[in-house]
Protein backbone atom coordinates (compact mmCIF):
# COMPACT_ATOMS: atom_id res chain seq x y z
CA UNK A 1 -329.59 95.83 123.21
CA UNK A 2 -330.39 98.74 120.89
CA UNK A 3 -330.46 102.30 122.11
CA UNK A 4 -333.78 104.06 121.71
CA UNK A 5 -333.95 107.44 119.99
CA UNK A 6 -335.55 110.38 121.79
CA UNK A 7 -338.26 112.62 120.35
CA UNK A 8 -339.43 115.64 122.33
CA UNK A 9 -342.78 117.31 121.67
CA UNK A 10 -343.05 121.08 121.28
CA UNK A 11 -344.72 121.38 124.72
CA UNK A 12 -341.94 119.43 126.44
CA UNK A 13 -339.24 121.46 124.66
CA UNK A 14 -340.97 124.70 125.72
CA UNK A 15 -341.01 123.50 129.34
CA UNK A 16 -337.28 122.71 129.18
CA UNK A 17 -336.47 126.19 127.84
CA UNK A 18 -338.15 127.77 130.88
CA UNK A 19 -336.17 125.72 133.44
CA UNK A 20 -332.83 126.52 135.08
CA UNK A 21 -329.89 125.00 133.21
CA UNK A 22 -328.92 122.63 136.04
CA UNK A 23 -332.44 121.13 136.08
CA UNK A 24 -332.41 120.76 132.28
CA UNK A 25 -329.07 118.91 132.43
CA UNK A 26 -330.39 116.56 135.11
CA UNK A 27 -333.59 115.79 133.18
CA UNK A 28 -331.67 115.29 129.92
CA UNK A 29 -329.25 112.87 131.62
CA UNK A 30 -332.17 110.85 133.03
CA UNK A 31 -333.87 110.74 129.61
CA UNK A 32 -330.59 109.65 127.99
CA UNK A 33 -330.26 106.89 130.60
CA UNK A 34 -333.80 105.83 129.81
CA UNK A 35 -332.90 105.60 126.10
CA UNK A 36 -330.05 103.22 126.91
CA UNK A 37 -332.36 100.80 128.76
CA UNK A 38 -336.00 101.82 129.19
CA UNK A 39 -336.80 98.68 131.19
CA UNK A 40 -334.03 98.99 133.78
CA UNK A 41 -335.34 98.46 137.30
CA UNK A 42 -333.62 101.55 138.77
CA UNK A 43 -335.04 104.13 136.32
CA UNK A 44 -337.80 105.31 138.70
CA UNK A 45 -340.40 104.68 135.98
CA UNK A 46 -344.05 103.78 136.34
CA UNK A 47 -346.67 102.94 133.71
CA UNK A 48 -349.66 105.25 134.11
CA UNK A 49 -353.09 103.71 134.60
CA UNK A 50 -355.65 104.31 131.89
CA UNK A 51 -353.13 105.11 129.14
CA UNK A 52 -350.06 103.69 127.46
CA UNK A 53 -347.90 106.49 128.85
CA UNK A 54 -345.08 106.22 131.35
CA UNK A 55 -343.85 108.55 134.08
CA UNK A 56 -340.21 109.23 134.94
CA UNK A 57 -339.42 110.89 138.28
CA UNK A 58 -336.62 113.47 138.28
CA UNK A 59 -336.62 115.19 141.67
CA UNK A 60 -339.78 117.31 141.87
CA UNK A 61 -340.28 117.04 138.09
CA UNK A 62 -342.26 114.47 136.14
CA UNK A 63 -341.48 113.43 132.58
CA UNK A 64 -344.43 111.82 130.77
CA UNK A 65 -343.50 109.77 127.71
CA UNK A 66 -344.55 106.99 125.39
CA UNK A 67 -342.46 104.00 124.43
CA UNK A 68 -342.58 102.50 120.93
CA UNK A 69 -340.66 99.23 121.06
CA UNK A 70 -341.19 98.38 117.39
CA UNK A 71 -339.59 101.69 116.27
CA UNK A 72 -337.17 102.01 119.23
CA UNK A 73 -338.47 105.51 119.98
CA UNK A 74 -339.18 107.28 123.25
CA UNK A 75 -341.45 110.32 122.77
CA UNK A 76 -341.34 112.83 125.63
CA UNK A 77 -344.84 114.29 125.78
CA UNK A 78 -344.76 116.53 128.81
CA UNK A 79 -342.40 117.79 131.52
CA UNK A 80 -343.92 119.54 134.52
CA UNK A 81 -343.72 119.85 138.32
CA UNK A 82 -345.23 117.06 140.37
CA UNK A 83 -348.57 118.76 141.03
CA UNK A 84 -349.58 119.85 137.56
CA UNK A 85 -348.29 117.15 135.23
CA UNK A 86 -351.35 114.92 135.32
CA UNK A 87 -353.95 117.62 134.53
């Protein structure tokens, strides 16, 4: 199985820069694991209703991303705490 490449939007990168380093490392490791197998059952991923986006749970943080199977690309759109990510 091919490994997906990761693209991070400017908003998501800005959110990562504001976080403590230990949280950034945890989120990056989860995203890297997602790239290895985005359809693994234990990834704590859910497809969001009403859009083609997905949600990855990382503790109290939510990572919203899209998955492009034809290009093998995961685009991280947004990273935010649980309460404000869906606004």
